[in-house]
Amino acid sequence: MTDIILELKQVSVNFGGLAALSAVDLKVRRGEILAIIGPNGAGKTTLFNLLTGIYRPTSGTIVYKDKVINKLKPYQRARLGLARTFQNTRLIKNMTVLENVLVAHAECNREGLFAAVFKPQAVLRRKRDAIVRECMEKLAMVGLEHKPDALAGSLPYGEQRLLEIARALATGCEVLLLDEPAAGMNAAEKAELVQKSSNCPSSSALK
C-alpha cells in the first residue's frame, strides 16, 4: 500500500486567459509536513482552494487516498478527511469558542429528528457528552481549553487563528491545510502558533 495520501498530476487552473496554476505535480505522504512557498499572487491560496473543492481544475487530476476527487464538493472532501484554515479568519464570531468547534464535528450534524424524539435521552446525552469531550480535546491541543465559553470574536487575533486550527481538527481530518496561518501575527503569537500546532495529530499538513 502506497504511503502517498494526496497527489496532484499535471493540474492547471485557468481563469479566462489567465493561468493561475500550470501543470502542478505534488505528492503528499502520510506524516509529512510541507510548505508551499511563493510571493503574493503565486497561486498558493488558489492551490488550497483547488484541493478543498472551491475551484475545479481546468485540466489534470487530484487523487486523495487513491480516489479521484476532481468533481467532489467541499463538504464531500471534508468528510473524506481534507480540512483547512483560511488566510483571513472565518470564525462564527458571535458564537462561543466551543460552539465554533462543535459545528465542525461530523456527529453534530447526524442527529436527525427521529433520533431526537425516539432514542432514549440517556443515550443521546452520552453521545452529546462524548462529542463535547472530543471538541474540548481539540481546544486543549491549541491551548484554548480554558476559554470554551468566550465569544470567538472577543479572542485576540492569535487565538482566533488557533481556534480555526482546532475547528479544522474537529472534522477528523487526515490532511490539514493551513493557509498562511501566521499572517498578521506578532513574533510572540507566531512562536505560540508553532508550539501549539506541533500538537496537531493530522497525518499530513500543508502550510
C-alpha atoms as a PDB file:
ATOM      1  CA  MET A   1       0.000   0.000   0.000  1.00  0.00           C
ATOM      2  CA  THR A   2       1.391   3.400  -1.012  1.00  0.00           C
ATOM      3  CA  ASP A   3       2.133   5.995   1.651  1.00  0.00           C
ATOM      4  CA  ILE A   4       1.016   8.795  -0.708  1.00  0.00           C
ATOM      5  CA  ILE A   5      -2.230  10.229   0.655  1.00  0.00           C
ATOM      6  CA  LEU A   6      -2.684  13.178  -1.737  1.00  0.00           C
ATOM      7  CA  GLU A   7      -1.392  13.675  -5.255  1.00  0.00           C
ATOM      8  CA  LEU A   8      -1.770  16.297  -7.973  1.00  0.00           C
ATOM      9  CA  LYS A   9      -0.977  15.213 -11.515  1.00  0.00           C
ATOM     10  CA  GLN A  10      -0.356  17.972 -14.093  1.00  0.00           C
ATOM     11  CA  VAL A  11      -3.059  20.155 -12.551  1.00  0.00           C
ATOM     12  CA  SER A  12      -3.826  23.538 -14.115  1.00  0.00           C
ATOM     13  CA  VAL A  13      -6.364  26.234 -13.253  1.00  0.00           C
ATOM     14  CA  ASN A  14      -7.260  28.948 -15.753  1.00  0.00           C
ATOM     15  CA  PHE A  15      -9.460  31.990 -15.178  1.00  0.00           C
ATOM     16  CA  GLY A  16     -10.338  33.121 -18.664  1.00  0.00           C
ATOM     17  CA  GLY A  17      -6.988  33.672 -20.350  1.00  0.00           C
ATOM     18  CA  LEU A  18      -5.069  33.794 -17.043  1.00  0.00           C
ATOM     19  CA  ALA A  19      -3.206  30.676 -15.898  1.00  0.00           C
ATOM     20  CA  ALA A  20      -3.329  30.725 -12.093  1.00  0.00           C
ATOM     21  CA  LEU A  21      -1.700  27.283 -11.817  1.00  0.00           C
ATOM     22  CA  SER A  22       0.078  25.461 -14.617  1.00  0.00           C
ATOM     23  CA  ALA A  23       0.842  21.730 -14.742  1.00  0.00           C
ATOM     24  CA  VAL A  24       1.374  21.336 -10.990  1.00  0.00           C
ATOM     25  CA  ASP A  25       2.674  17.983  -9.730  1.00  0.00           C
ATOM     26  CA  LEU A  26       2.569  17.358  -5.979  1.00  0.00           C
ATOM     27  CA  LYS A  27       2.770  14.319  -3.729  1.00  0.00           C
ATOM     28  CA  VAL A  28       1.906  14.398  -0.025  1.00  0.00           C
ATOM     29  CA  ARG A  29       2.853  11.373   2.055  1.00  0.00           C
ATOM     30  CA  ARG A  30       1.392  10.336   5.392  1.00  0.00           C
ATOM     31  CA  GLY A  31       3.181  12.052   8.261  1.00  0.00           C
ATOM     32  CA  GLU A  32       4.737  14.784   6.135  1.00  0.00           C
ATOM     33  CA  ILE A  33       4.678  18.484   6.916  1.00  0.00           C
ATOM     34  CA  LEU A  34       5.198  20.506   3.745  1.00  0.00           C
ATOM     35  CA  ALA A  35       5.362  24.225   2.983  1.00  0.00           C
ATOM     36  CA  ILE A  36       4.117  25.955  -0.153  1.00  0.00           C
ATOM     37  CA  ILE A  37       6.413  28.940  -0.668  1.00  0.00           C
ATOM     38  CA  GLY A  38       5.983  31.817  -3.092  1.00  0.00           C
ATOM     39  CA  PRO A  39       5.338  35.570  -3.371  1.00  0.00           C
ATOM     40  CA  ASN A  40       1.899  37.162  -3.312  1.00  0.00           C
ATOM     41  CA  GLY A  41      -0.006  36.159  -6.432  1.00  0.00           C
ATOM     42  CA  ALA A  42       1.978  32.970  -6.956  1.00  0.00           C
ATOM     43  CA  GLY A  43      -1.140  30.825  -6.566  1.00  0.00           C
ATOM     44  CA  LYS A  44      -0.771  29.403  -3.028  1.00  0.00           C
ATOM     45  CA  THR A  45      -4.356  30.125  -1.968  1.00  0.00           C
ATOM     46  CA  THR A  46      -5.592  29.062  -5.402  1.00  0.00           C
ATOM     47  CA  LEU A  47      -3.913  25.707  -4.778  1.00  0.00           C
ATOM     48  CA  PHE A  48      -5.658  25.351  -1.419  1.00  0.00           C
ATOM     49  CA  ASN A  49      -8.995  26.331  -2.983  1.00  0.00           C
ATOM     50  CA  LEU A  50      -8.395  23.697  -5.612  1.00  0.00           C
ATOM     51  CA  LEU A  51      -7.609  20.982  -3.066  1.00  0.00           C
ATOM     52  CA  THR A  52     -10.688  21.761  -0.977  1.00  0.00           C
ATOM     53  CA  GLY A  53     -13.161  21.976  -3.854  1.00  0.00           C
ATOM     54  CA  ILE A  54     -13.776  25.714  -4.065  1.00  0.00           C
ATOM     55  CA  TYR A  55     -12.224  25.600  -7.554  1.00  0.00           C
ATOM     56  CA  ARG A  56     -12.124  22.741 -10.017  1.00  0.00           C
ATOM     57  CA  PRO A  57      -9.059  22.067 -12.165  1.00  0.00           C
ATOM     58  CA  THR A  58      -9.137  23.135 -15.795  1.00  0.00           C
ATOM     59  CA  SER A  59      -7.026  20.077 -16.512  1.00  0.00           C
ATOM     60  CA  GLY A  60      -5.168  17.374 -14.605  1.00  0.00           C
ATOM     61  CA  THR A  61      -6.144  15.053 -11.775  1.00  0.00           C
ATOM     62  CA  ILE A  62      -6.393  15.321  -7.978  1.00  0.00           C
ATOM     63  CA  VAL A  63      -6.127  11.973  -6.194  1.00  0.00           C
ATOM     64  CA  TYR A  64      -6.870  11.581  -2.492  1.00  0.00           C
ATOM     65  CA  LYS A  65      -6.435   8.165  -0.874  1.00  0.00           C
ATOM     66  CA  ASP A  66      -6.464   6.516  -4.338  1.00  0.00           C
ATOM     67  CA  LYS A  67      -9.710   8.261  -5.330  1.00  0.00           C
ATOM     68  CA  VAL A  68     -10.053  10.950  -7.996  1.00  0.00           C
ATOM     69  CA  ILE A  69     -11.778  13.902  -6.307  1.00  0.00           C
ATOM     70  CA  ASN A  70     -11.815  16.492  -9.125  1.00  0.00           C
ATOM     71  CA  LYS A  71     -15.616  16.848  -9.050  1.00  0.00           C
ATOM     72  CA  LEU A  72     -16.285  16.459  -5.319  1.00  0.00           C
ATOM     73  CA  LYS A  73     -17.823  19.400  -3.465  1.00  0.00           C
ATOM     74  CA  PRO A  74     -16.043  20.983  -0.460  1.00  0.00           C
ATOM     75  CA  TYR A  75     -18.227  19.234   2.144  1.00  0.00           C
ATOM     76  CA  GLN A  76     -17.610  15.874   0.461  1.00  0.00           C
ATOM     77  CA  ARG A  77     -13.853  16.414   0.611  1.00  0.00           C
ATOM     78  CA  ALA A  78     -14.124  17.423   4.268  1.00  0.00           C
ATOM     79  CA  ARG A  79     -15.933  14.161   5.010  1.00  0.00           C
ATOM     80  CA  LEU A  80     -13.105  12.263   3.323  1.00  0.00           C
ATOM     81  CA  GLY A  81     -10.511  13.944   5.546  1.00  0.00           C
ATOM     82  CA  LEU A  82      -9.369  17.189   3.899  1.00  0.00           C
ATOM     83  CA  ALA A  83      -9.695  20.261   6.126  1.00  0.00           C
ATOM     84  CA  ARG A  84      -8.308  23.778   6.004  1.00  0.00           C
ATOM     85  CA  THR A  85      -7.951  27.133   7.664  1.00  0.00           C
ATOM     86  CA  PHE A  86      -8.203  30.418   5.772  1.00  0.00           C
ATOM     87  CA  GLN A  87      -5.829  33.294   5.169  1.00  0.00           C
ATOM     88  CA  ASN A  88      -8.480  35.576   6.695  1.00  0.00           C
ATOM     89  CA  THR A  89     -10.183  34.010   9.705  1.00  0.00           C
ATOM     90  CA  ARG A  90     -13.677  32.617   9.022  1.00  0.00           C
ATOM     91  CA  LEU A  91     -14.921  32.081  12.561  1.00  0.00           C
ATOM     92  CA  ILE A  92     -18.564  32.485  13.615  1.00  0.00           C
ATOM     93  CA  LYS A  93     -17.694  35.381  15.866  1.00  0.00           C
ATOM     94  CA  ASN A  94     -20.996  35.670  17.748  1.00  0.00           C
ATOM     95  CA  MET A  95     -20.742  32.023  18.837  1.00  0.00           C
ATOM     96  CA  THR A  96     -18.548  30.723  21.635  1.00  0.00           C
ATOM     97  CA  VAL A  97     -15.159  29.089  21.231  1.00  0.00           C
ATOM     98  CA  LEU A  98     -16.630  25.647  21.949  1.00  0.00           C
ATOM     99  CA  GLU A  99     -19.598  26.190  19.634  1.00  0.00           C
ATOM    100  CA  ASN A 100     -17.254  27.060  16.766  1.00  0.00           C
ATOM    101  CA  VAL A 101     -15.539  23.693  17.183  1.00  0.00           C
ATOM    102  CA  LEU A 102     -18.800  21.780  17.698  1.00  0.00           C
ATOM    103  CA  VAL A 103     -20.246  22.939  14.366  1.00  0.00           C
ATOM    104  CA  ALA A 104     -17.307  21.303  12.576  1.00  0.00           C
ATOM    105  CA  HIS A 105     -17.730  17.921  14.305  1.00  0.00           C
ATOM    106  CA  ALA A 106     -19.391  15.486  11.912  1.00  0.00           C
ATOM    107  CA  GLU A 107     -21.542  13.847  14.580  1.00  0.00           C
ATOM    108  CA  CYS A 108     -23.179  17.162  15.454  1.00  0.00           C
ATOM    109  CA  ASN A 109     -24.899  17.107  12.064  1.00  0.00           C
ATOM    110  CA  ARG A 110     -26.076  13.496  12.141  1.00  0.00           C
ATOM    111  CA  GLU A 111     -28.675  13.571  14.883  1.00  0.00           C
ATOM    112  CA  GLY A 112     -31.959  13.590  12.990  1.00  0.00           C
ATOM    113  CA  LEU A 113     -35.463  14.326  14.190  1.00  0.00           C
ATOM    114  CA  PHE A 114     -36.285  10.625  14.596  1.00  0.00           C
ATOM    115  CA  ALA A 115     -33.319  10.041  16.913  1.00  0.00           C
ATOM    116  CA  ALA A 116     -34.066  13.194  18.915  1.00  0.00           C
ATOM    117  CA  VAL A 117     -37.661  12.084  19.513  1.00  0.00           C
ATOM    118  CA  PHE A 118     -37.416   8.319  19.878  1.00  0.00           C
ATOM    119  CA  LYS A 119     -33.937   7.498  21.175  1.00  0.00           C
ATOM    120  CA  PRO A 120     -33.571   7.244  24.964  1.00  0.00           C
ATOM    121  CA  GLN A 121     -32.433  10.566  26.378  1.00  0.00           C
ATOM    122  CA  ALA A 122     -29.655   8.859  28.336  1.00  0.00           C
ATOM    123  CA  VAL A 123     -28.201   7.507  25.074  1.00  0.00           C
ATOM    124  CA  LEU A 124     -28.376  10.896  23.401  1.00  0.00           C
ATOM    125  CA  ARG A 125     -26.828  12.571  26.432  1.00  0.00           C
ATOM    126  CA  ARG A 126     -23.864  10.172  26.444  1.00  0.00           C
ATOM    127  CA  LYS A 127     -23.298  10.752  22.733  1.00  0.00           C
ATOM    128  CA  ARG A 128     -23.506  14.521  23.095  1.00  0.00           C
ATOM    129  CA  ASP A 129     -21.180  14.491  26.095  1.00  0.00           C
ATOM    130  CA  ALA A 130     -18.665  12.419  24.105  1.00  0.00           C
ATOM    131  CA  ILE A 131     -18.746  14.955  21.249  1.00  0.00           C
ATOM    132  CA  VAL A 132     -18.168  17.837  23.660  1.00  0.00           C
ATOM    133  CA  ARG A 133     -15.216  15.977  25.222  1.00  0.00           C
ATOM    134  CA  GLU A 134     -13.661  15.431  21.794  1.00  0.00           C
ATOM    135  CA  CYS A 135     -14.057  19.101  20.934  1.00  0.00           C
ATOM    136  CA  MET A 136     -12.558  20.134  24.260  1.00  0.00           C
ATOM    137  CA  GLU A 137      -9.585  17.869  23.474  1.00  0.00           C
ATOM    138  CA  LYS A 138      -9.068  19.768  20.217  1.00  0.00           C
ATOM    139  CA  LEU A 139      -9.174  23.052  22.120  1.00  0.00           C
ATOM    140  CA  ALA A 140      -6.629  21.672  24.584  1.00  0.00           C
ATOM    141  CA  MET A 141      -4.292  20.870  21.684  1.00  0.00           C
ATOM    142  CA  VAL A 142      -4.131  24.560  20.805  1.00  0.00           C
ATOM    143  CA  GLY A 143      -4.235  25.851  24.391  1.00  0.00           C
ATOM    144  CA  LEU A 144      -7.792  27.222  24.391  1.00  0.00           C
ATOM    145  CA  GLU A 145      -9.451  24.718  26.721  1.00  0.00           C
ATOM    146  CA  HIS A 146      -9.752  27.427  29.394  1.00  0.00           C
ATOM    147  CA  LYS A 147     -11.900  29.664  27.140  1.00  0.00           C
ATOM    148  CA  PRO A 148     -14.762  27.452  25.886  1.00  0.00           C
ATOM    149  CA  ASP A 149     -17.461  29.999  26.762  1.00  0.00           C
ATOM    150  CA  ALA A 150     -15.701  33.082  25.392  1.00  0.00           C
ATOM    151  CA  LEU A 151     -17.122  34.583  22.213  1.00  0.00           C
ATOM    152  CA  ALA A 152     -14.875  33.795  19.266  1.00  0.00           C
ATOM    153  CA  GLY A 153     -14.928  37.438  18.189  1.00  0.00           C
ATOM    154  CA  SER A 154     -13.561  38.535  21.577  1.00  0.00           C
ATOM    155  CA  LEU A 155     -10.349  36.494  21.272  1.00  0.00           C
ATOM    156  CA  PRO A 156      -7.027  38.123  20.420  1.00  0.00           C
ATOM    157  CA  TYR A 157      -6.108  37.631  16.776  1.00  0.00           C
ATOM    158  CA  GLY A 158      -3.515  34.943  17.505  1.00  0.00           C
ATOM    159  CA  GLU A 159      -6.038  32.883  19.472  1.00  0.00           C
ATOM    160  CA  GLN A 160      -8.570  33.218  16.672  1.00  0.00           C
ATOM    161  CA  ARG A 161      -6.001  31.589  14.411  1.00  0.00           C
ATOM    162  CA  LEU A 162      -5.550  28.770  16.923  1.00  0.00           C
ATOM    163  CA  LEU A 163      -9.313  28.331  17.170  1.00  0.00           C
ATOM    164  CA  GLU A 164      -9.509  27.889  13.401  1.00  0.00           C
ATOM    165  CA  ILE A 165      -6.967  25.075  13.670  1.00  0.00           C
ATOM    166  CA  ALA A 166      -8.982  23.408  16.448  1.00  0.00           C
ATOM    167  CA  ARG A 167     -12.129  23.679  14.349  1.00  0.00           C
ATOM    168  CA  ALA A 168     -10.396  22.057  11.370  1.00  0.00           C
ATOM    169  CA  LEU A 169      -9.100  19.246  13.586  1.00  0.00           C
ATOM    170  CA  ALA A 170     -12.629  18.593  14.865  1.00  0.00           C
ATOM    171  CA  THR A 171     -13.576  17.347  11.398  1.00  0.00           C
ATOM    172  CA  GLY A 172     -11.307  14.351  11.983  1.00  0.00           C
ATOM    173  CA  CYS A 173      -9.104  15.337   9.062  1.00  0.00           C
ATOM    174  CA  GLU A 174      -6.142  13.351   7.817  1.00  0.00           C
ATOM    175  CA  VAL A 175      -4.724  16.240   5.776  1.00  0.00           C
ATOM    176  CA  LEU A 176      -4.756  19.719   7.313  1.00  0.00           C
ATOM    177  CA  LEU A 177      -4.211  22.724   5.035  1.00  0.00           C
ATOM    178  CA  LEU A 178      -3.065  25.885   6.815  1.00  0.00           C
ATOM    179  CA  ASP A 179      -3.329  28.930   4.555  1.00  0.00           C
ATOM    180  CA  GLU A 180      -0.749  31.459   5.815  1.00  0.00           C
ATOM    181  CA  PRO A 181      -1.512  30.560   9.439  1.00  0.00           C
ATOM    182  CA  ALA A 182       0.829  33.197  10.876  1.00  0.00           C
ATOM    183  CA  ALA A 183      -0.315  36.113   8.680  1.00  0.00           C
ATOM    184  CA  GLY A 184      -0.860  39.235  10.752  1.00  0.00           C
ATOM    185  CA  MET A 185       0.671  37.768  13.929  1.00  0.00           C
ATOM    186  CA  ASN A 186       3.397  39.361  16.004  1.00  0.00           C
ATOM    187  CA  ALA A 187       6.545  37.454  16.972  1.00  0.00           C
ATOM    188  CA  ALA A 188       5.116  36.144  20.269  1.00  0.00           C
ATOM    189  CA  GLU A 189       1.922  34.923  18.578  1.00  0.00           C
ATOM    190  CA  LYS A 190       3.948  33.182  15.858  1.00  0.00           C
ATOM    191  CA  ALA A 191       6.043  31.384  18.470  1.00  0.00           C
ATOM    192  CA  GLU A 192       2.880  30.261  20.254  1.00  0.00           C
ATOM    193  CA  LEU A 193       1.365  29.046  16.978  1.00  0.00           C
ATOM    194  CA  VAL A 194       4.425  26.917  16.210  1.00  0.00           C
ATOM    195  CA  GLN A 195       4.390  25.438  19.704  1.00  0.00           C
ATOM    196  CA  LYS A 196       0.647  24.679  19.762  1.00  0.00           C
ATOM    197  CA  SER A 197       0.382  23.409  16.175  1.00  0.00           C
ATOM    198  CA  SER A 198       3.052  20.802  16.931  1.00  0.00           C
ATOM    199  CA  ASN A 199       0.310  19.027  18.915  1.00  0.00           C
ATOM    200  CA  CYS A 200      -1.836  18.544  15.800  1.00  0.00           C
ATOM    201  CA  PRO A 201      -2.344  14.833  15.095  1.00  0.00           C
ATOM    202  CA  SER A 202      -3.212  15.035  11.389  1.00  0.00           C
ATOM    203  CA  SER A 203      -1.463  12.537   9.141  1.00  0.00           C
ATOM    204  CA  SER A 204      -0.126  15.314   6.899  1.00  0.00           C
ATOM    205  CA  ALA A 205      -0.122  19.090   6.758  1.00  0.00           C
ATOM    206  CA  LEU A 206       0.422  21.730   4.099  1.00  0.00           C
ATOM    207  CA  LYS A 207       1.280  25.285   5.139  1.00  0.00           C
END
